[in-house]
Amino acid sequence: PVTRFLQIIVRLSLRIVGIDVRANEQLTSAAEEIRS
């Protein structure tokens, strides 16, 4: 319960500066991870 409340505050704070943490950007593909 506490961590969920803290996550809401963090997400709202980041959204104010233009960062959406819900956008789960995949920087590397699975194939690239395996290759690395």
Full PDB file with SEQRES, HELIX, SHEET, SSBOND, CRYST1, ORIGX, SCALE, CONECT and MASTER records, all heavy atoms in Angstrom:
SEQRES   1 A   36  PRO VAL THR ARG PHE LEU GLN ILE ILE VAL ARG LEU SER          
SEQRES   2 A   36  LEU ARG ILE VAL GLY ILE ASP VAL ARG ALA ASN GLU GLN          
SEQRES   3 A   36  LEU THR SER ALA ALA GLU GLU ILE ARG SER                      
HELIX    1 AA1 VAL A    2  ILE A   16  1                                  15    
HELIX    2 AA2 ALA A   30  ARG A   35  1                                   6    
CRYST1    1.000    1.000    1.000  90.00  90.00  90.00 P 1           1          
ORIGX1      1.000000  0.000000  0.000000        0.00000                         
ORIGX2      0.000000  1.000000  0.000000        0.00000                         
ORIGX3      0.000000  0.000000  1.000000        0.00000                         
SCALE1      1.000000  0.000000  0.000000        0.00000                         
SCALE2      0.000000  1.000000  0.000000        0.00000                         
SCALE3      0.000000  0.000000  1.000000        0.00000                         
ATOM      1  N   PRO A   1       0.812  -1.223   0.000  1.00  0.00           N  
ATOM      2  CA  PRO A   1       0.000   0.000   0.000  1.00  0.00           C  
ATOM      3  C   PRO A   1       0.842   1.267   0.000  1.00  0.00           C  
ATOM      4  O   PRO A   1       0.525   2.243  -0.704  1.00  0.00           O  
ATOM      5  CB  PRO A   1      -0.842  -0.124   1.272  1.00  0.00           C  
ATOM      6  CG  PRO A   1      -0.865  -1.582   1.578  1.00  0.00           C  
ATOM      7  CD  PRO A   1       0.462  -2.092   1.158  1.00  0.00           C  
ATOM      8  N   VAL A   2       1.924   1.261   0.781  1.00  0.00           N  
ATOM      9  CA  VAL A   2       2.789   2.437   0.851  1.00  0.00           C  
ATOM     10  C   VAL A   2       3.524   2.655  -0.463  1.00  0.00           C  
ATOM     11  O   VAL A   2       3.614   3.778  -0.971  1.00  0.00           O  
ATOM     12  CB  VAL A   2       3.783   2.302   2.023  1.00  0.00           C  
ATOM     13  CG1 VAL A   2       4.672   3.539   2.109  1.00  0.00           C  
ATOM     14  CG2 VAL A   2       3.052   2.090   3.336  1.00  0.00           C  
ATOM     15  N   THR A   3       4.072   1.567  -1.012  1.00  0.00           N  
ATOM     16  CA  THR A   3       4.830   1.701  -2.255  1.00  0.00           C  
ATOM     17  C   THR A   3       3.943   2.137  -3.420  1.00  0.00           C  
ATOM     18  O   THR A   3       4.392   2.886  -4.297  1.00  0.00           O  
ATOM     19  CB  THR A   3       5.520   0.369  -2.605  1.00  0.00           C  
ATOM     20  OG1 THR A   3       4.550  -0.688  -2.652  1.00  0.00           O  
ATOM     21  CG2 THR A   3       6.584   0.033  -1.569  1.00  0.00           C  
ATOM     22  N   ARG A   4       2.697   1.673  -3.442  1.00  0.00           N  
ATOM     23  CA  ARG A   4       1.791   2.109  -4.500  1.00  0.00           C  
ATOM     24  C   ARG A   4       1.531   3.608  -4.416  1.00  0.00           C  
ATOM     25  O   ARG A   4       1.497   4.301  -5.440  1.00  0.00           O  
ATOM     26  CB  ARG A   4       0.482   1.338  -4.417  1.00  0.00           C  
ATOM     27  CG  ARG A   4       0.587  -0.115  -4.878  1.00  0.00           C  
ATOM     28  CD  ARG A   4      -0.717  -0.853  -4.678  1.00  0.00           C  
ATOM     29  NE  ARG A   4      -0.606  -2.252  -5.101  1.00  0.00           N  
ATOM     30  CZ  ARG A   4      -1.560  -3.151  -4.925  1.00  0.00           C  
ATOM     31  NH1 ARG A   4      -2.702  -2.800  -4.337  1.00  0.00           N  
ATOM     32  NH2 ARG A   4      -1.376  -4.405  -5.327  1.00  0.00           N  
ATOM     33  N   PHE A   5       1.341   4.093  -3.205  1.00  0.00           N  
ATOM     34  CA  PHE A   5       1.136   5.522  -3.000  1.00  0.00           C  
ATOM     35  C   PHE A   5       2.371   6.311  -3.437  1.00  0.00           C  
ATOM     36  O   PHE A   5       2.263   7.350  -4.100  1.00  0.00           O  
ATOM     37  CB  PHE A   5       0.806   5.798  -1.534  1.00  0.00           C  
ATOM     38  CG  PHE A   5       0.671   7.264  -1.201  1.00  0.00           C  
ATOM     39  CD1 PHE A   5      -0.432   7.990  -1.624  1.00  0.00           C  
ATOM     40  CD2 PHE A   5       1.655   7.911  -0.464  1.00  0.00           C  
ATOM     41  CE1 PHE A   5      -0.547   9.342  -1.322  1.00  0.00           C  
ATOM     42  CE2 PHE A   5       1.536   9.255  -0.151  1.00  0.00           C  
ATOM     43  CZ  PHE A   5       0.440   9.970  -0.585  1.00  0.00           C  
ATOM     44  N   LEU A   6       3.560   5.810  -3.078  1.00  0.00           N  
ATOM     45  CA  LEU A   6       4.793   6.478  -3.466  1.00  0.00           C  
ATOM     46  C   LEU A   6       4.985   6.466  -4.980  1.00  0.00           C  
ATOM     47  O   LEU A   6       5.481   7.430  -5.562  1.00  0.00           O  
ATOM     48  CB  LEU A   6       5.993   5.814  -2.777  1.00  0.00           C  
ATOM     49  CG  LEU A   6       6.044   5.943  -1.245  1.00  0.00           C  
ATOM     50  CD1 LEU A   6       7.231   5.164  -0.691  1.00  0.00           C  
ATOM     51  CD2 LEU A   6       6.138   7.408  -0.825  1.00  0.00           C  
ATOM     52  N   GLN A   7       4.600   5.356  -5.635  1.00  0.00           N  
ATOM     53  CA  GLN A   7       4.708   5.272  -7.084  1.00  0.00           C  
ATOM     54  C   GLN A   7       3.828   6.300  -7.782  1.00  0.00           C  
ATOM     55  O   GLN A   7       4.210   6.880  -8.791  1.00  0.00           O  
ATOM     56  CB  GLN A   7       4.348   3.864  -7.562  1.00  0.00           C  
ATOM     57  CG  GLN A   7       5.406   2.814  -7.260  1.00  0.00           C  
ATOM     58  CD  GLN A   7       4.950   1.412  -7.593  1.00  0.00           C  
ATOM     59  OE1 GLN A   7       3.871   1.225  -8.153  1.00  0.00           O  
ATOM     60  NE2 GLN A   7       5.737   0.418  -7.243  1.00  0.00           N  
ATOM     61  N   ILE A   8       2.631   6.528  -7.225  1.00  0.00           N  
ATOM     62  CA  ILE A   8       1.730   7.538  -7.791  1.00  0.00           C  
ATOM     63  C   ILE A   8       2.381   8.914  -7.724  1.00  0.00           C  
ATOM     64  O   ILE A   8       2.363   9.686  -8.686  1.00  0.00           O  
ATOM     65  CB  ILE A   8       0.375   7.528  -7.059  1.00  0.00           C  
ATOM     66  CG1 ILE A   8      -0.357   6.207  -7.338  1.00  0.00           C  
ATOM     67  CG2 ILE A   8      -0.474   8.715  -7.495  1.00  0.00           C  
ATOM     68  CD1 ILE A   8      -1.632   6.044  -6.528  1.00  0.00           C  
ATOM     69  N   ILE A   9       2.984   9.219  -6.571  1.00  0.00           N  
ATOM     70  CA  ILE A   9       3.647  10.519  -6.405  1.00  0.00           C  
ATOM     71  C   ILE A   9       4.808  10.659  -7.383  1.00  0.00           C  
ATOM     72  O   ILE A   9       4.996  11.708  -8.015  1.00  0.00           O  
ATOM     73  CB  ILE A   9       4.131  10.680  -4.952  1.00  0.00           C  
ATOM     74  CG1 ILE A   9       2.937  10.699  -3.989  1.00  0.00           C  
ATOM     75  CG2 ILE A   9       4.959  11.953  -4.800  1.00  0.00           C  
ATOM     76  CD1 ILE A   9       3.336  10.773  -2.525  1.00  0.00           C  
ATOM     77  N   VAL A  10       5.602   9.578  -7.525  1.00  0.00           N  
ATOM     78  CA  VAL A  10       6.753   9.615  -8.429  1.00  0.00           C  
ATOM     79  C   VAL A  10       6.312   9.821  -9.873  1.00  0.00           C  
ATOM     80  O   VAL A  10       6.883  10.640 -10.610  1.00  0.00           O  
ATOM     81  CB  VAL A  10       7.573   8.317  -8.289  1.00  0.00           C  
ATOM     82  CG1 VAL A  10       8.633   8.231  -9.392  1.00  0.00           C  
ATOM     83  CG2 VAL A  10       8.237   8.250  -6.921  1.00  0.00           C  
ATOM     84  N   ARG A  11       5.290   9.089 -10.301  1.00  0.00           N  
ATOM     85  CA  ARG A  11       4.821   9.203 -11.676  1.00  0.00           C  
ATOM     86  C   ARG A  11       4.253  10.586 -11.972  1.00  0.00           C  
ATOM     87  O   ARG A  11       4.500  11.139 -13.051  1.00  0.00           O  
ATOM     88  CB  ARG A  11       3.780   8.133 -11.961  1.00  0.00           C  
ATOM     89  CG  ARG A  11       4.364   6.720 -12.032  1.00  0.00           C  
ATOM     90  CD  ARG A  11       3.283   5.674 -12.174  1.00  0.00           C  
ATOM     91  NE  ARG A  11       3.848   4.333 -12.241  1.00  0.00           N  
ATOM     92  CZ  ARG A  11       3.130   3.221 -12.285  1.00  0.00           C  
ATOM     93  NH1 ARG A  11       1.797   3.295 -12.263  1.00  0.00           N  
ATOM     94  NH2 ARG A  11       3.728   2.033 -12.328  1.00  0.00           N  
ATOM     95  N   LEU A  12       3.502  11.136 -11.011  1.00  0.00           N  
ATOM     96  CA  LEU A  12       2.964  12.477 -11.205  1.00  0.00           C  
ATOM     97  C   LEU A  12       4.084  13.504 -11.271  1.00  0.00           C  
ATOM     98  O   LEU A  12       4.040  14.438 -12.085  1.00  0.00           O  
ATOM     99  CB  LEU A  12       1.990  12.824 -10.072  1.00  0.00           C  
ATOM    100  CG  LEU A  12       0.658  12.058 -10.068  1.00  0.00           C  
ATOM    101  CD1 LEU A  12      -0.155  12.417  -8.827  1.00  0.00           C  
ATOM    102  CD2 LEU A  12      -0.149  12.362 -11.325  1.00  0.00           C  
ATOM    103  N   SER A  13       5.104  13.336 -10.438  1.00  0.00           N  
ATOM    104  CA  SER A  13       6.224  14.272 -10.435  1.00  0.00           C  
ATOM    105  C   SER A  13       6.997  14.210 -11.746  1.00  0.00           C  
ATOM    106  O   SER A  13       7.393  15.239 -12.303  1.00  0.00           O  
ATOM    107  CB  SER A  13       7.155  13.975  -9.255  1.00  0.00           C  
ATOM    108  OG  SER A  13       6.456  14.065  -8.020  1.00  0.00           O  
ATOM    109  N   LEU A  14       7.226  12.973 -12.248  1.00  0.00           N  
ATOM    110  CA  LEU A  14       7.935  12.827 -13.506  1.00  0.00           C  
ATOM    111  C   LEU A  14       7.116  13.335 -14.686  1.00  0.00           C  
ATOM    112  O   LEU A  14       7.671  13.871 -15.649  1.00  0.00           O  
ATOM    113  CB  LEU A  14       8.311  11.357 -13.725  1.00  0.00           C  
ATOM    114  CG  LEU A  14       9.382  10.791 -12.789  1.00  0.00           C  
ATOM    115  CD1 LEU A  14       9.562   9.302 -13.026  1.00  0.00           C  
ATOM    116  CD2 LEU A  14      10.712  11.510 -12.987  1.00  0.00           C  
ATOM    117  N   ARG A  15       5.803  13.175 -14.594  1.00  0.00           N  
ATOM    118  CA  ARG A  15       4.952  13.649 -15.674  1.00  0.00           C  
ATOM    119  C   ARG A  15       4.999  15.165 -15.783  1.00  0.00           C  
ATOM    120  O   ARG A  15       4.873  15.721 -16.883  1.00  0.00           O  
ATOM    121  CB  ARG A  15       3.514  13.177 -15.456  1.00  0.00           C  
ATOM    122  CG  ARG A  15       2.618  13.342 -16.689  1.00  0.00           C  
ATOM    123  CD  ARG A  15       1.253  12.763 -16.441  1.00  0.00           C  
ATOM    124  NE  ARG A  15       1.328  11.336 -16.163  1.00  0.00           N  
ATOM    125  CZ  ARG A  15       0.267  10.599 -15.838  1.00  0.00           C  
ATOM    126  NH1 ARG A  15      -0.932  11.165 -15.706  1.00  0.00           N  
ATOM    127  NH2 ARG A  15       0.412   9.311 -15.618  1.00  0.00           N  
ATOM    128  N   ILE A  16       5.203  15.818 -14.662  1.00  0.00           N  
ATOM    129  CA  ILE A  16       5.287  17.279 -14.673  1.00  0.00           C  
ATOM    130  C   ILE A  16       6.475  17.745 -15.513  1.00  0.00           C  
ATOM    131  O   ILE A  16       6.394  18.751 -16.220  1.00  0.00           O  
ATOM    132  CB  ILE A  16       5.395  17.816 -13.226  1.00  0.00           C  
ATOM    133  CG1 ILE A  16       4.081  17.551 -12.482  1.00  0.00           C  
ATOM    134  CG2 ILE A  16       5.716  19.308 -13.221  1.00  0.00           C  
ATOM    135  CD1 ILE A  16       4.129  17.930 -11.012  1.00  0.00           C  
ATOM    136  N   VAL A  17       7.581  16.975 -15.455  1.00  0.00           N  
ATOM    137  CA  VAL A  17       8.775  17.348 -16.225  1.00  0.00           C  
ATOM    138  C   VAL A  17       8.811  16.671 -17.590  1.00  0.00           C  
ATOM    139  O   VAL A  17       9.833  16.672 -18.273  1.00  0.00           O  
ATOM    140  CB  VAL A  17      10.053  17.020 -15.433  1.00  0.00           C  
ATOM    141  CG1 VAL A  17      10.111  17.846 -14.164  1.00  0.00           C  
ATOM    142  CG2 VAL A  17      10.136  15.529 -15.095  1.00  0.00           C  
ATOM    143  N   GLY A  18       7.684  16.049 -17.988  1.00  0.00           N  
ATOM    144  CA  GLY A  18       7.579  15.494 -19.324  1.00  0.00           C  
ATOM    145  C   GLY A  18       8.053  14.069 -19.499  1.00  0.00           C  
ATOM    146  O   GLY A  18       8.331  13.639 -20.627  1.00  0.00           O  
ATOM    147  N   ILE A  19       8.150  13.292 -18.431  1.00  0.00           N  
ATOM    148  CA  ILE A  19       8.596  11.901 -18.501  1.00  0.00           C  
ATOM    149  C   ILE A  19       7.438  10.990 -18.140  1.00  0.00           C  
ATOM    150  O   ILE A  19       6.854  11.114 -17.067  1.00  0.00           O  
ATOM    151  CB  ILE A  19       9.788  11.638 -17.559  1.00  0.00           C  
ATOM    152  CG1 ILE A  19      10.968  12.546 -17.926  1.00  0.00           C  
ATOM    153  CG2 ILE A  19      10.205  10.172 -17.626  1.00  0.00           C  
ATOM    154  CD1 ILE A  19      12.124  12.437 -16.956  1.00  0.00           C  
ATOM    155  N   ASP A  20       7.088  10.087 -19.059  1.00  0.00           N  
ATOM    156  CA  ASP A  20       6.018   9.138 -18.821  1.00  0.00           C  
ATOM    157  C   ASP A  20       6.638   7.759 -18.582  1.00  0.00           C  
ATOM    158  O   ASP A  20       7.112   7.108 -19.512  1.00  0.00           O  
ATOM    159  CB  ASP A  20       5.061   9.089 -20.022  1.00  0.00           C  
ATOM    160  CG  ASP A  20       3.818   8.241 -19.743  1.00  0.00           C  
ATOM    161  OD1 ASP A  20       3.678   7.744 -18.599  1.00  0.00           O  
ATOM    162  OD2 ASP A  20       2.996   8.062 -20.675  1.00  0.00           O  
ATOM    163  N   VAL A  21       6.642   7.330 -17.338  1.00  0.00           N  
ATOM    164  CA  VAL A  21       7.266   6.049 -17.000  1.00  0.00           C  
ATOM    165  C   VAL A  21       6.437   4.869 -17.469  1.00  0.00           C  
ATOM    166  O   VAL A  21       6.911   3.732 -17.488  1.00  0.00           O  
ATOM    167  CB  VAL A  21       7.501   5.937 -15.477  1.00  0.00           C  
ATOM    168  CG1 VAL A  21       8.486   6.966 -15.006  1.00  0.00           C  
ATOM    169  CG2 VAL A  21       6.192   6.040 -14.710  1.00  0.00           C  
ATOM    170  N   ARG A  22       5.190   5.098 -17.836  1.00  0.00           N  
ATOM    171  CA  ARG A  22       4.377   4.002 -18.339  1.00  0.00           C  
ATOM    172  C   ARG A  22       4.763   3.603 -19.748  1.00  0.00           C  
ATOM    173  O   ARG A  22       4.419   2.506 -20.200  1.00  0.00           O  
ATOM    174  CB  ARG A  22       2.895   4.380 -18.305  1.00  0.00           C  
ATOM    175  CG  ARG A  22       2.342   4.569 -16.904  1.00  0.00           C  
ATOM    176  CD  ARG A  22       0.898   5.033 -16.952  1.00  0.00           C  
ATOM    177  NE  ARG A  22       0.765   6.302 -17.630  1.00  0.00           N  
ATOM    178  CZ  ARG A  22      -0.403   6.908 -17.851  1.00  0.00           C  
ATOM    179  NH1 ARG A  22      -1.526   6.364 -17.407  1.00  0.00           N  
ATOM    180  NH2 ARG A  22      -0.446   8.068 -18.488  1.00  0.00           N  
ATOM    181  N   ALA A  23       5.467   4.476 -20.452  1.00  0.00           N  
ATOM    182  CA  ALA A  23       5.945   4.138 -21.792  1.00  0.00           C  
ATOM    183  C   ALA A  23       7.149   3.221 -21.666  1.00  0.00           C  
ATOM    184  O   ALA A  23       8.272   3.659 -21.468  1.00  0.00           O  
ATOM    185  CB  ALA A  23       6.318   5.409 -22.553  1.00  0.00           C  
ATOM    186  N   ASN A  24       6.911   1.977 -21.744  1.00  0.00           N  
ATOM    187  CA  ASN A  24       7.951   0.966 -21.558  1.00  0.00           C  
ATOM    188  C   ASN A  24       8.751   0.812 -22.844  1.00  0.00           C  
ATOM    189  O   ASN A  24       8.463  -0.014 -23.696  1.00  0.00           O  
ATOM    190  CB  ASN A  24       7.329  -0.367 -21.147  1.00  0.00           C  
ATOM    191  CG  ASN A  24       8.377  -1.387 -20.761  1.00  0.00           C  
ATOM    192  OD1 ASN A  24       9.505  -1.030 -20.442  1.00  0.00           O  
ATOM    193  ND2 ASN A  24       7.988  -2.652 -20.788  1.00  0.00           N  
ATOM    194  N   GLU A  25       9.760   1.635 -22.972  1.00  0.00           N  
ATOM    195  CA  GLU A  25      10.576   1.634 -24.178  1.00  0.00           C  
ATOM    196  C   GLU A  25      11.568   0.484 -24.139  1.00  0.00           C  
ATOM    197  O   GLU A  25      12.371   0.360 -23.223  1.00  0.00           O  
ATOM    198  CB  GLU A  25      11.319   2.960 -24.319  1.00  0.00           C  
ATOM    199  CG  GLU A  25      12.141   3.056 -25.593  1.00  0.00           C  
ATOM    200  CD  GLU A  25      12.849   4.390 -25.716  1.00  0.00           C  
ATOM    201  OE1 GLU A  25      12.723   5.206 -24.793  1.00  0.00           O  
ATOM    202  OE2 GLU A  25      13.517   4.605 -26.734  1.00  0.00           O  
ATOM    203  N   GLN A  26      11.532  -0.347 -25.167  1.00  0.00           N  
ATOM    204  CA  GLN A  26      12.449  -1.474 -25.291  1.00  0.00           C  
ATOM    205  C   GLN A  26      13.639  -1.026 -26.121  1.00  0.00           C  
ATOM    206  O   GLN A  26      13.564  -0.873 -27.344  1.00  0.00           O  
ATOM    207  CB  GLN A  26      11.751  -2.668 -25.950  1.00  0.00           C  
ATOM    208  CG  GLN A  26      12.576  -3.932 -25.976  1.00  0.00           C  
ATOM    209  CD  GLN A  26      12.728  -4.559 -24.618  1.00  0.00           C  
ATOM    210  OE1 GLN A  26      11.918  -4.357 -23.730  1.00  0.00           O  
ATOM    211  NE2 GLN A  26      13.783  -5.326 -24.451  1.00  0.00           N  
ATOM    212  N   LEU A  27      14.764  -0.798 -25.454  1.00  0.00           N  
ATOM    213  CA  LEU A  27      15.941  -0.287 -26.129  1.00  0.00           C  
ATOM    214  C   LEU A  27      16.642  -1.361 -26.947  1.00  0.00           C  
ATOM    215  O   LEU A  27      17.236  -1.084 -27.979  1.00  0.00           O  
ATOM    216  CB  LEU A  27      16.918   0.317 -25.103  1.00  0.00           C  
ATOM    217  CG  LEU A  27      16.393   1.509 -24.310  1.00  0.00           C  
ATOM    218  CD1 LEU A  27      17.453   1.982 -23.320  1.00  0.00           C  
ATOM    219  CD2 LEU A  27      15.994   2.654 -25.228  1.00  0.00           C  
ATOM    220  N   THR A  28      16.616  -2.582 -26.492  1.00  0.00           N  
ATOM    221  CA  THR A  28      17.272  -3.668 -27.185  1.00  0.00           C  
ATOM    222  C   THR A  28      16.317  -4.825 -27.387  1.00  0.00           C  
ATOM    223  O   THR A  28      15.482  -5.103 -26.535  1.00  0.00           O  
ATOM    224  CB  THR A  28      18.494  -4.171 -26.397  1.00  0.00           C  
ATOM    225  OG1 THR A  28      18.094  -4.594 -25.094  1.00  0.00           O  
ATOM    226  CG2 THR A  28      19.540  -3.090 -26.270  1.00  0.00           C  
ATOM    227  N   SER A  29      16.418  -5.479 -28.523  1.00  0.00           N  
ATOM    228  CA  SER A  29      15.583  -6.629 -28.799  1.00  0.00           C  
ATOM    229  C   SER A  29      16.126  -7.856 -28.079  1.00  0.00           C  
ATOM    230  O   SER A  29      17.256  -7.869 -27.593  1.00  0.00           O  
ATOM    231  CB  SER A  29      15.525  -6.884 -30.302  1.00  0.00           C  
ATOM    232  OG  SER A  29      16.804  -7.239 -30.788  1.00  0.00           O  
ATOM    233  N   ALA A  30      15.295  -8.901 -28.050  1.00  0.00           N  
ATOM    234  CA  ALA A  30      15.735 -10.141 -27.421  1.00  0.00           C  
ATOM    235  C   ALA A  30      16.939 -10.728 -28.148  1.00  0.00           C  
ATOM    236  O   ALA A  30      17.860 -11.261 -27.525  1.00  0.00           O  
ATOM    237  CB  ALA A  30      14.574 -11.136 -27.396  1.00  0.00           C  
ATOM    238  N   ALA A  31      16.925 -10.630 -29.489  1.00  0.00           N  
ATOM    239  CA  ALA A  31      18.053 -11.150 -30.266  1.00  0.00           C  
ATOM    240  C   ALA A  31      19.342 -10.417 -29.933  1.00  0.00           C  
ATOM    241  O   ALA A  31      20.410 -11.027 -29.822  1.00  0.00           O  
ATOM    242  CB  ALA A  31      17.755 -11.048 -31.762  1.00  0.00           C  
ATOM    243  N   GLU A  32      19.260  -9.097 -29.776  1.00  0.00           N  
ATOM    244  CA  GLU A  32      20.447  -8.324 -29.432  1.00  0.00           C  
ATOM    245  C   GLU A  32      20.960  -8.684 -28.040  1.00  0.00           C  
ATOM    246  O   GLU A  32      22.172  -8.729 -27.814  1.00  0.00           O  
ATOM    247  CB  GLU A  32      20.136  -6.826 -29.525  1.00  0.00           C  
ATOM    248  CG  GLU A  32      19.910  -6.329 -30.953  1.00  0.00           C  
ATOM    249  CD  GLU A  32      19.441  -4.892 -30.984  1.00  0.00           C  
ATOM    250  OE1 GLU A  32      18.897  -4.432 -29.957  1.00  0.00           O  
ATOM    251  OE2 GLU A  32      19.591  -4.239 -32.040  1.00  0.00           O  
ATOM    252  N   GLU A  33      20.048  -8.923 -27.115  1.00  0.00           N  
ATOM    253  CA  GLU A  33      20.457  -9.325 -25.774  1.00  0.00           C  
ATOM    254  C   GLU A  33      21.168 -10.672 -25.806  1.00  0.00           C  
ATOM    255  O   GLU A  33      22.191 -10.868 -25.143  1.00  0.00           O  
ATOM    256  CB  GLU A  33      19.240  -9.393 -24.848  1.00  0.00           C  
ATOM    257  CG  GLU A  33      18.649  -8.036 -24.502  1.00  0.00           C  
ATOM    258  CD  GLU A  33      17.517  -8.140 -23.503  1.00  0.00           C  
ATOM    259  OE1 GLU A  33      17.240  -9.268 -23.050  1.00  0.00           O  
ATOM    260  OE2 GLU A  33      16.919  -7.113 -23.170  1.00  0.00           O  
ATOM    261  N   ILE A  34      20.629 -11.614 -26.568  1.00  0.00           N  
ATOM    262  CA  ILE A  34      21.260 -12.926 -26.687  1.00  0.00           C  
ATOM    263  C   ILE A  34      22.637 -12.800 -27.328  1.00  0.00           C  
ATOM    264  O   ILE A  34      23.609 -13.398 -26.873  1.00  0.00           O  
ATOM    265  CB  ILE A  34      20.370 -13.883 -27.501  1.00  0.00           C  
ATOM    266  CG1 ILE A  34      19.059 -14.147 -26.761  1.00  0.00           C  
ATOM    267  CG2 ILE A  34      21.092 -15.200 -27.771  1.00  0.00           C  
ATOM    268  CD1 ILE A  34      18.062 -14.952 -27.565  1.00  0.00           C  
ATOM    269  N   ARG A  35      22.713 -11.998 -28.385  1.00  0.00           N  
ATOM    270  CA  ARG A  35      23.983 -11.810 -29.077  1.00  0.00           C  
ATOM    271  C   ARG A  35      25.033 -11.182 -28.148  1.00  0.00           C  
ATOM    272  O   ARG A  35      26.190 -11.605 -28.143  1.00  0.00           O  
ATOM    273  CB  ARG A  35      23.777 -10.933 -30.309  1.00  0.00           C  
ATOM    274  CG  ARG A  35      24.890 -11.091 -31.358  1.00  0.00           C  
ATOM    275  CD  ARG A  35      24.679 -10.076 -32.486  1.00  0.00           C  
ATOM    276  NE  ARG A  35      23.365 -10.215 -33.089  1.00  0.00           N  
ATOM    277  CZ  ARG A  35      23.088 -11.052 -34.054  1.00  0.00           C  
ATOM    278  NH1 ARG A  35      24.012 -11.847 -34.506  1.00  0.00           N  
ATOM    279  NH2 ARG A  35      21.865 -11.112 -34.567  1.00  0.00           N  
ATOM    280  N   SER A  36      24.612 -10.188 -27.374  1.00  0.00           N  
ATOM    281  CA  SER A  36      25.534  -9.547 -26.438  1.00  0.00           C  
ATOM    282  C   SER A  36      25.998 -10.521 -25.364  1.00  0.00           C  
ATOM    283  O   SER A  36      27.172 -10.533 -24.986  1.00  0.00           O  
ATOM    284  CB  SER A  36      24.864  -8.329 -25.795  1.00  0.00           C  
ATOM    285  OG  SER A  36      24.513  -7.363 -26.772  1.00  0.00           O  
TER     286      SER A  36                                                      
MASTER        0    0    0    2    0    0    0    6  285    1    0    3          
END                                                                             
